[in-house]
Amino acid sequence: MSKLSVILWLLLFATTCVGQDNLGNNSDKDSLRYKRFDIEEYKRLARKSPTAYRIRKEGKLGELIELSDEYENNSFAGFRESHTYRDSPYEYIYLYNTVGNITAYCAYLYQMPVGKGYQFDGHGHEIKCVDYDLPYKFSIDSLKVKMLHQYGINLMDKKEVFSVRRYEEREYIKRPIYIVCAHWKDNRNDIYLIDGINGETLYTQKAVEIIRDDTDTPTDWKSIEELYHDSKSSSSIPMQQ
């Protein structure tokens, strides 16, 4: 099973879903629960590209669709279907069982799960729903507006953005946060630490060199969360008389 699919399955078992639906390119959850994978078409396309790891085809209005097998513990578990759109940072992933019935769905923005993810039993019944937006009172849409109006960064333009991620920080800030990494020039980015509750910009780093892997990481490297914590700590130290 792919790393992304494993993450999808793990996250789907995290919490219970509440609030309004956000199905991305599926506006009707009732139609989603009965969505099926076209196995015959997949076999037909696979015969045309027998060595391809994934099968690619074009959908409507510039939609790009990738189809592949899913494996769990080295055993065939079903199918995976990914939908993207040209120049869009969103991806919509569907998982199906071996007979082509849907078992899971999730939308991603820059590989970050957003909206609601669903798990189905393969017979049209919803088993689990996870609202990934729930901890973040400052919404994705609000973040898009803030970054565009305050910094001139269009989060919907992949040419301007290196990555966007969010999580519930528990060590230094102790609240939900967003971290936006925007392209600056050459191999450097501007990084913004945003409060996920009220949308306040907590800390910024300018012209930061991109770290590709652990071997490139300097020994004194600190995350933006640590830098924010250090700045707050130093500002709270009383002046010596």
C-alpha atoms as a PDB file:
ATOM      1  CA  MET A   1       0.000   0.000   0.000  1.00  0.00           C
ATOM      2  CA  SER A   2       1.356   3.466  -0.850  1.00  0.00           C
ATOM      3  CA  LYS A   3       2.548   5.790   1.926  1.00  0.00           C
ATOM      4  CA  LEU A   4      -0.190   8.295   1.130  1.00  0.00           C
ATOM      5  CA  SER A   5      -2.864   5.603   1.289  1.00  0.00           C
ATOM      6  CA  VAL A   6      -1.548   4.355   4.627  1.00  0.00           C
ATOM      7  CA  ILE A   7      -1.765   7.898   5.982  1.00  0.00           C
ATOM      8  CA  LEU A   8      -5.314   8.175   4.664  1.00  0.00           C
ATOM      9  CA  TRP A   9      -6.357   4.968   6.435  1.00  0.00           C
ATOM     10  CA  LEU A  10      -4.698   5.961   9.708  1.00  0.00           C
ATOM     11  CA  LEU A  11      -6.251   9.413   9.714  1.00  0.00           C
ATOM     12  CA  LEU A  12      -9.684   8.037   8.994  1.00  0.00           C
ATOM     13  CA  PHE A  13      -9.602   6.219  12.330  1.00  0.00           C
ATOM     14  CA  ALA A  14      -8.622   9.360  14.252  1.00  0.00           C
ATOM     15  CA  THR A  15     -11.883  11.098  15.185  1.00  0.00           C
ATOM     16  CA  THR A  16     -15.579  11.451  14.450  1.00  0.00           C
ATOM     17  CA  CYS A  17     -16.890  13.867  11.857  1.00  0.00           C
ATOM     18  CA  VAL A  18     -19.161  16.812  12.604  1.00  0.00           C
ATOM     19  CA  GLY A  19     -20.203  19.947  10.730  1.00  0.00           C
ATOM     20  CA  GLN A  20     -20.975  20.533   7.082  1.00  0.00           C
ATOM     21  CA  ASP A  21     -19.763  18.322   4.256  1.00  0.00           C
ATOM     22  CA  ASN A  22     -16.820  19.356   2.121  1.00  0.00           C
ATOM     23  CA  LEU A  23     -16.417  16.770  -0.609  1.00  0.00           C
ATOM     24  CA  GLY A  24     -14.281  18.782  -3.002  1.00  0.00           C
ATOM     25  CA  ASN A  25     -15.190  17.549  -6.472  1.00  0.00           C
ATOM     26  CA  ASN A  26     -18.027  15.427  -5.038  1.00  0.00           C
ATOM     27  CA  SER A  27     -20.878  17.643  -3.882  1.00  0.00           C
ATOM     28  CA  ASP A  28     -23.182  14.773  -2.918  1.00  0.00           C
ATOM     29  CA  LYS A  29     -22.096  12.303  -0.244  1.00  0.00           C
ATOM     30  CA  ASP A  30     -24.908   9.934  -1.219  1.00  0.00           C
ATOM     31  CA  SER A  31     -23.474   9.631  -4.728  1.00  0.00           C
ATOM     32  CA  LEU A  32     -19.956   9.275  -3.302  1.00  0.00           C
ATOM     33  CA  ARG A  33     -20.876   6.278  -1.152  1.00  0.00           C
ATOM     34  CA  TYR A  34     -21.950   4.350  -4.265  1.00  0.00           C
ATOM     35  CA  LYS A  35     -19.027   5.412  -6.461  1.00  0.00           C
ATOM     36  CA  ARG A  36     -17.462   2.439  -8.264  1.00  0.00           C
ATOM     37  CA  PHE A  37     -14.120   1.780  -9.869  1.00  0.00           C
ATOM     38  CA  ASP A  38     -14.355   0.802 -13.534  1.00  0.00           C
ATOM     39  CA  ILE A  39     -12.289  -2.392 -13.449  1.00  0.00           C
ATOM     40  CA  GLU A  40     -12.867  -3.276 -17.089  1.00  0.00           C
ATOM     41  CA  GLU A  41     -11.695   0.134 -18.298  1.00  0.00           C
ATOM     42  CA  TYR A  42      -8.672  -0.128 -16.006  1.00  0.00           C
ATOM     43  CA  LYS A  43      -7.734  -3.517 -17.466  1.00  0.00           C
ATOM     44  CA  ARG A  44      -8.182  -2.168 -20.970  1.00  0.00           C
ATOM     45  CA  LEU A  45      -5.919   0.826 -20.280  1.00  0.00           C
ATOM     46  CA  ALA A  46      -3.375  -1.368 -18.479  1.00  0.00           C
ATOM     47  CA  ARG A  47      -3.033  -3.612 -21.525  1.00  0.00           C
ATOM     48  CA  LYS A  48      -1.969  -0.565 -23.538  1.00  0.00           C
ATOM     49  CA  SER A  49       0.764   0.276 -20.977  1.00  0.00           C
ATOM     50  CA  PRO A  50       1.760  -3.069 -19.433  1.00  0.00           C
ATOM     51  CA  THR A  51       4.922  -1.719 -17.740  1.00  0.00           C
ATOM     52  CA  ALA A  52       3.329   1.413 -16.230  1.00  0.00           C
ATOM     53  CA  TYR A  53       3.176   1.650 -12.442  1.00  0.00           C
ATOM     54  CA  ARG A  54       0.140   3.921 -12.719  1.00  0.00           C
ATOM     55  CA  ILE A  55      -2.385   4.409 -15.498  1.00  0.00           C
ATOM     56  CA  ARG A  56      -3.065   8.019 -16.446  1.00  0.00           C
ATOM     57  CA  LYS A  57      -6.040   9.378 -18.330  1.00  0.00           C
ATOM     58  CA  GLU A  58      -7.734  12.722 -18.852  1.00  0.00           C
ATOM     59  CA  GLY A  59     -11.142  13.534 -17.445  1.00  0.00           C
ATOM     60  CA  LYS A  60     -13.416  16.504 -17.969  1.00  0.00           C
ATOM     61  CA  LEU A  61     -12.281  20.142 -17.953  1.00  0.00           C
ATOM     62  CA  GLY A  62      -8.567  19.421 -17.621  1.00  0.00           C
ATOM     63  CA  GLU A  63      -8.960  16.786 -14.925  1.00  0.00           C
ATOM     64  CA  LEU A  64      -6.046  14.338 -14.651  1.00  0.00           C
ATOM     65  CA  ILE A  65      -6.813  10.859 -13.290  1.00  0.00           C
ATOM     66  CA  GLU A  66      -4.283   8.294 -12.072  1.00  0.00           C
ATOM     67  CA  LEU A  67      -5.318   4.673 -11.514  1.00  0.00           C
ATOM     68  CA  SER A  68      -3.310   1.970  -9.762  1.00  0.00           C
ATOM     69  CA  ASP A  69      -3.500  -1.246  -7.769  1.00  0.00           C
ATOM     70  CA  GLU A  70      -3.457  -1.140  -3.968  1.00  0.00           C
ATOM     71  CA  TYR A  71      -1.526  -3.647  -1.885  1.00  0.00           C
ATOM     72  CA  GLU A  72      -1.644  -4.344   1.829  1.00  0.00           C
ATOM     73  CA  ASN A  73       0.937  -6.637   3.432  1.00  0.00           C
ATOM     74  CA  ASN A  74       2.057  -7.598  -0.083  1.00  0.00           C
ATOM     75  CA  SER A  75      -1.452  -8.774  -0.964  1.00  0.00           C
ATOM     76  CA  PHE A  76      -3.742  -7.179  -3.541  1.00  0.00           C
ATOM     77  CA  ALA A  77      -6.278  -5.062  -1.618  1.00  0.00           C
ATOM     78  CA  GLY A  78      -8.091  -3.163  -4.374  1.00  0.00           C
ATOM     79  CA  PHE A  79      -7.627   0.001  -6.398  1.00  0.00           C
ATOM     80  CA  ARG A  80      -6.569   3.612  -5.954  1.00  0.00           C
ATOM     81  CA  GLU A  81      -7.879   6.555  -7.967  1.00  0.00           C
ATOM     82  CA  SER A  82      -6.375  10.056  -7.807  1.00  0.00           C
ATOM     83  CA  HIS A  83      -7.965  13.152  -9.342  1.00  0.00           C
ATOM     84  CA  THR A  84      -6.046  16.389  -9.884  1.00  0.00           C
ATOM     85  CA  TYR A  85      -6.485  19.465 -12.045  1.00  0.00           C
ATOM     86  CA  ARG A  86      -3.848  21.300 -14.019  1.00  0.00           C
ATOM     87  CA  ASP A  87      -2.117  23.975 -11.910  1.00  0.00           C
ATOM     88  CA  SER A  88      -4.305  23.159  -8.879  1.00  0.00           C
ATOM     89  CA  PRO A  89      -2.720  22.206  -5.514  1.00  0.00           C
ATOM     90  CA  TYR A  90      -5.697  19.958  -4.656  1.00  0.00           C
ATOM     91  CA  GLU A  91      -5.805  16.181  -5.022  1.00  0.00           C
ATOM     92  CA  TYR A  92      -8.827  13.908  -4.449  1.00  0.00           C
ATOM     93  CA  ILE A  93      -8.097  10.282  -3.586  1.00  0.00           C
ATOM     94  CA  TYR A  94     -10.505   7.344  -3.666  1.00  0.00           C
ATOM     95  CA  LEU A  95      -9.793   3.796  -2.489  1.00  0.00           C
ATOM     96  CA  TYR A  96     -11.795   0.781  -3.659  1.00  0.00           C
ATOM     97  CA  ASN A  97     -11.967  -2.867  -2.669  1.00  0.00           C
ATOM     98  CA  THR A  98     -11.159  -5.762  -5.014  1.00  0.00           C
ATOM     99  CA  VAL A  99     -14.613  -5.707  -6.630  1.00  0.00           C
ATOM    100  CA  GLY A 100     -14.494  -1.952  -7.247  1.00  0.00           C
ATOM    101  CA  ASN A 101     -16.702  -0.620  -4.430  1.00  0.00           C
ATOM    102  CA  ILE A 102     -15.490   2.531  -2.680  1.00  0.00           C
ATOM    103  CA  THR A 103     -13.956   2.124   0.779  1.00  0.00           C
ATOM    104  CA  ALA A 104     -12.380   5.540   1.453  1.00  0.00           C
ATOM    105  CA  TYR A 105     -12.169   9.117   0.193  1.00  0.00           C
ATOM    106  CA  CYS A 106     -10.109  12.150   1.179  1.00  0.00           C
ATOM    107  CA  ALA A 107      -9.145  15.507  -0.330  1.00  0.00           C
ATOM    108  CA  TYR A 108      -5.647  16.963  -0.015  1.00  0.00           C
ATOM    109  CA  LEU A 109      -4.201  20.461  -0.367  1.00  0.00           C
ATOM    110  CA  TYR A 110      -0.436  20.314  -0.873  1.00  0.00           C
ATOM    111  CA  GLN A 111      -0.609  16.709   0.416  1.00  0.00           C
ATOM    112  CA  MET A 112      -2.370  17.939   3.586  1.00  0.00           C
ATOM    113  CA  PRO A 113      -5.769  16.331   4.316  1.00  0.00           C
ATOM    114  CA  VAL A 114      -8.571  18.907   4.238  1.00  0.00           C
ATOM    115  CA  GLY A 115     -12.340  18.922   4.532  1.00  0.00           C
ATOM    116  CA  LYS A 116     -13.871  15.592   5.451  1.00  0.00           C
ATOM    117  CA  GLY A 117     -12.508  12.129   4.865  1.00  0.00           C
ATOM    118  CA  TYR A 118     -14.840   9.143   4.660  1.00  0.00           C
ATOM    119  CA  GLN A 119     -14.538   5.417   5.180  1.00  0.00           C
ATOM    120  CA  PHE A 120     -17.157   3.053   3.725  1.00  0.00           C
ATOM    121  CA  ASP A 121     -17.801  -0.642   4.223  1.00  0.00           C
ATOM    122  CA  GLY A 122     -17.796  -1.451   0.501  1.00  0.00           C
ATOM    123  CA  HIS A 123     -21.599  -1.745   0.458  1.00  0.00           C
ATOM    124  CA  GLY A 124     -22.525   1.940   0.508  1.00  0.00           C
ATOM    125  CA  HIS A 125     -22.598   2.359   4.287  1.00  0.00           C
ATOM    126  CA  GLU A 126     -20.519   5.041   5.969  1.00  0.00           C
ATOM    127  CA  ILE A 127     -18.279   3.672   8.722  1.00  0.00           C
ATOM    128  CA  LYS A 128     -16.258   6.711   9.706  1.00  0.00           C
ATOM    129  CA  CYS A 129     -16.061  10.409   8.902  1.00  0.00           C
ATOM    130  CA  VAL A 130     -13.159  12.651   9.930  1.00  0.00           C
ATOM    131  CA  ASP A 131     -13.365  16.443   9.829  1.00  0.00           C
ATOM    132  CA  TYR A 132      -9.758  17.511   9.306  1.00  0.00           C
ATOM    133  CA  ASP A 133     -10.703  21.206   9.469  1.00  0.00           C
ATOM    134  CA  LEU A 134     -12.320  20.941  12.907  1.00  0.00           C
ATOM    135  CA  PRO A 135      -9.362  22.075  15.078  1.00  0.00           C
ATOM    136  CA  TYR A 136      -8.716  25.120  12.873  1.00  0.00           C
ATOM    137  CA  LYS A 137     -11.097  27.998  13.578  1.00  0.00           C
ATOM    138  CA  PHE A 138      -9.068  30.022  11.092  1.00  0.00           C
ATOM    139  CA  SER A 139     -10.134  28.209   7.934  1.00  0.00           C
ATOM    140  CA  ILE A 140      -8.236  27.326   4.775  1.00  0.00           C
ATOM    141  CA  ASP A 141     -10.297  29.892   2.865  1.00  0.00           C
ATOM    142  CA  SER A 142      -9.394  32.557   5.444  1.00  0.00           C
ATOM    143  CA  LEU A 143      -5.740  31.573   5.128  1.00  0.00           C
ATOM    144  CA  LYS A 144      -5.926  31.980   1.340  1.00  0.00           C
ATOM    145  CA  VAL A 145      -7.349  35.496   1.741  1.00  0.00           C
ATOM    146  CA  LYS A 146      -4.785  36.475   4.379  1.00  0.00           C
ATOM    147  CA  MET A 147      -1.768  35.269   2.407  1.00  0.00           C
ATOM    148  CA  LEU A 148      -2.942  36.998  -0.775  1.00  0.00           C
ATOM    149  CA  HIS A 149      -3.933  40.340   0.769  1.00  0.00           C
ATOM    150  CA  GLN A 150      -1.193  40.589   3.405  1.00  0.00           C
ATOM    151  CA  TYR A 151       1.761  39.039   1.581  1.00  0.00           C
ATOM    152  CA  GLY A 152       0.746  38.846  -2.086  1.00  0.00           C
ATOM    153  CA  ILE A 153       1.003  35.048  -2.080  1.00  0.00           C
ATOM    154  CA  ASN A 154      -1.630  33.068  -3.980  1.00  0.00           C
ATOM    155  CA  LEU A 155      -1.955  29.690  -2.268  1.00  0.00           C
ATOM    156  CA  MET A 156      -3.752  28.326  -5.324  1.00  0.00           C
ATOM    157  CA  ASP A 157      -0.694  28.965  -7.498  1.00  0.00           C
ATOM    158  CA  LYS A 158       1.787  26.084  -7.173  1.00  0.00           C
ATOM    159  CA  LYS A 159       4.485  28.230  -8.761  1.00  0.00           C
ATOM    160  CA  GLU A 160       4.359  30.551  -5.752  1.00  0.00           C
ATOM    161  CA  VAL A 161       4.093  27.959  -2.986  1.00  0.00           C
ATOM    162  CA  PHE A 162       6.555  25.263  -1.957  1.00  0.00           C
ATOM    163  CA  SER A 163       4.374  23.709   0.765  1.00  0.00           C
ATOM    164  CA  VAL A 164       1.504  24.283   3.185  1.00  0.00           C
ATOM    165  CA  ARG A 165       1.071  22.176   6.281  1.00  0.00           C
ATOM    166  CA  ARG A 166      -0.801  22.358   9.546  1.00  0.00           C
ATOM    167  CA  TYR A 167      -0.997  20.448  12.777  1.00  0.00           C
ATOM    168  CA  GLU A 168      -1.868  20.817  16.442  1.00  0.00           C
ATOM    169  CA  GLU A 169       1.457  21.944  17.927  1.00  0.00           C
ATOM    170  CA  ARG A 170       1.879  20.691  21.504  1.00  0.00           C
ATOM    171  CA  GLU A 171       5.453  21.594  22.499  1.00  0.00           C
ATOM    172  CA  TYR A 172       6.189  25.260  21.856  1.00  0.00           C
ATOM    173  CA  ILE A 173       2.948  26.976  20.812  1.00  0.00           C
ATOM    174  CA  LYS A 174       0.359  24.518  22.146  1.00  0.00           C
ATOM    175  CA  ARG A 175      -2.345  25.273  19.592  1.00  0.00           C
ATOM    176  CA  PRO A 176      -3.207  24.503  15.944  1.00  0.00           C
ATOM    177  CA  ILE A 177      -0.871  26.196  13.464  1.00  0.00           C
ATOM    178  CA  TYR A 178      -0.305  26.608   9.740  1.00  0.00           C
ATOM    179  CA  ILE A 179       3.158  26.758   8.186  1.00  0.00           C
ATOM    180  CA  VAL A 180       3.281  28.287   4.702  1.00  0.00           C
ATOM    181  CA  CYS A 181       6.504  27.954   2.738  1.00  0.00           C
ATOM    182  CA  ALA A 182       6.470  30.303  -0.265  1.00  0.00           C
ATOM    183  CA  HIS A 183       8.996  30.413  -3.106  1.00  0.00           C
ATOM    184  CA  TRP A 184      11.312  33.425  -2.956  1.00  0.00           C
ATOM    185  CA  LYS A 185      14.102  32.895  -5.473  1.00  0.00           C
ATOM    186  CA  ASP A 186      16.815  30.402  -6.303  1.00  0.00           C
ATOM    187  CA  ASN A 187      16.724  27.651  -3.652  1.00  0.00           C
ATOM    188  CA  ARG A 188      15.250  29.831  -0.911  1.00  0.00           C
ATOM    189  CA  ASN A 189      11.779  30.296   0.559  1.00  0.00           C
ATOM    190  CA  ASP A 190       9.901  32.638   2.862  1.00  0.00           C
ATOM    191  CA  ILE A 191       8.228  30.790   5.747  1.00  0.00           C
ATOM    192  CA  TYR A 192       5.176  31.981   7.649  1.00  0.00           C
ATOM    193  CA  LEU A 193       3.947  30.601  10.970  1.00  0.00           C
ATOM    194  CA  ILE A 194       0.221  31.291  11.313  1.00  0.00           C
ATOM    195  CA  ASP A 195      -2.016  30.787  14.345  1.00  0.00           C
ATOM    196  CA  GLY A 196      -4.705  28.245  13.384  1.00  0.00           C
ATOM    197  CA  ILE A 197      -7.234  29.755  15.798  1.00  0.00           C
ATOM    198  CA  ASN A 198      -7.165  33.505  15.125  1.00  0.00           C
ATOM    199  CA  GLY A 199      -5.039  33.776  11.966  1.00  0.00           C
ATOM    200  CA  GLU A 200      -2.302  35.885  13.571  1.00  0.00           C
ATOM    201  CA  THR A 201       1.135  35.731  11.988  1.00  0.00           C
ATOM    202  CA  LEU A 202       3.324  34.465  14.818  1.00  0.00           C
ATOM    203  CA  TYR A 203       6.703  34.405  13.089  1.00  0.00           C
ATOM    204  CA  THR A 204       8.274  34.790   9.657  1.00  0.00           C
ATOM    205  CA  GLN A 205      11.574  33.659   8.157  1.00  0.00           C
ATOM    206  CA  LYS A 206      12.884  35.256   4.990  1.00  0.00           C
ATOM    207  CA  ALA A 207      15.035  33.707   2.265  1.00  0.00           C
ATOM    208  CA  VAL A 208      15.454  30.363   4.035  1.00  0.00           C
ATOM    209  CA  GLU A 209      17.438  27.752   2.128  1.00  0.00           C
ATOM    210  CA  ILE A 210      15.378  24.664   1.307  1.00  0.00           C
ATOM    211  CA  ILE A 211      16.456  21.553   3.221  1.00  0.00           C
ATOM    212  CA  ARG A 212      15.932  18.551   0.962  1.00  0.00           C
ATOM    213  CA  ASP A 213      16.743  15.777   3.443  1.00  0.00           C
ATOM    214  CA  ASP A 214      18.413  15.076   6.799  1.00  0.00           C
ATOM    215  CA  THR A 215      21.893  15.062   5.280  1.00  0.00           C
ATOM    216  CA  ASP A 216      21.459  18.738   4.313  1.00  0.00           C
ATOM    217  CA  THR A 217      20.299  19.823   7.773  1.00  0.00           C
ATOM    218  CA  PRO A 218      22.826  21.984   9.698  1.00  0.00           C
ATOM    219  CA  THR A 219      23.520  20.850  13.257  1.00  0.00           C
ATOM    220  CA  ASP A 220      22.213  24.150  14.647  1.00  0.00           C
ATOM    221  CA  TRP A 221      19.076  24.148  12.504  1.00  0.00           C
ATOM    222  CA  LYS A 222      15.838  25.061  14.281  1.00  0.00           C
ATOM    223  CA  SER A 223      12.238  24.801  13.129  1.00  0.00           C
ATOM    224  CA  ILE A 224      10.132  27.927  12.830  1.00  0.00           C
ATOM    225  CA  GLU A 225       8.172  26.733  15.867  1.00  0.00           C
ATOM    226  CA  GLU A 226      11.378  26.674  17.933  1.00  0.00           C
ATOM    227  CA  LEU A 227      12.439  30.085  16.617  1.00  0.00           C
ATOM    228  CA  TYR A 228       9.071  31.543  17.609  1.00  0.00           C
ATOM    229  CA  HIS A 229       9.406  30.019  21.090  1.00  0.00           C
ATOM    230  CA  ASP A 230      12.952  31.388  21.455  1.00  0.00           C
ATOM    231  CA  SER A 231      11.837  34.870  20.402  1.00  0.00           C
ATOM    232  CA  LYS A 232       9.012  34.881  22.934  1.00  0.00           C
ATOM    233  CA  SER A 233      11.292  33.578  25.671  1.00  0.00           C
ATOM    234  CA  SER A 234      13.978  36.182  25.019  1.00  0.00           C
ATOM    235  CA  SER A 235      11.435  39.008  24.964  1.00  0.00           C
ATOM    236  CA  SER A 236      10.138  37.955  28.378  1.00  0.00           C
ATOM    237  CA  ILE A 237      13.593  38.075  30.049  1.00  0.00           C
ATOM    238  CA  PRO A 238      13.791  41.165  32.295  1.00  0.00           C
ATOM    239  CA  MET A 239      16.475  43.721  31.515  1.00  0.00           C
ATOM    240  CA  GLN A 240      19.546  43.769  33.772  1.00  0.00           C
ATOM    241  CA  GLN A 241      19.847  46.957  35.852  1.00  0.00           C
END
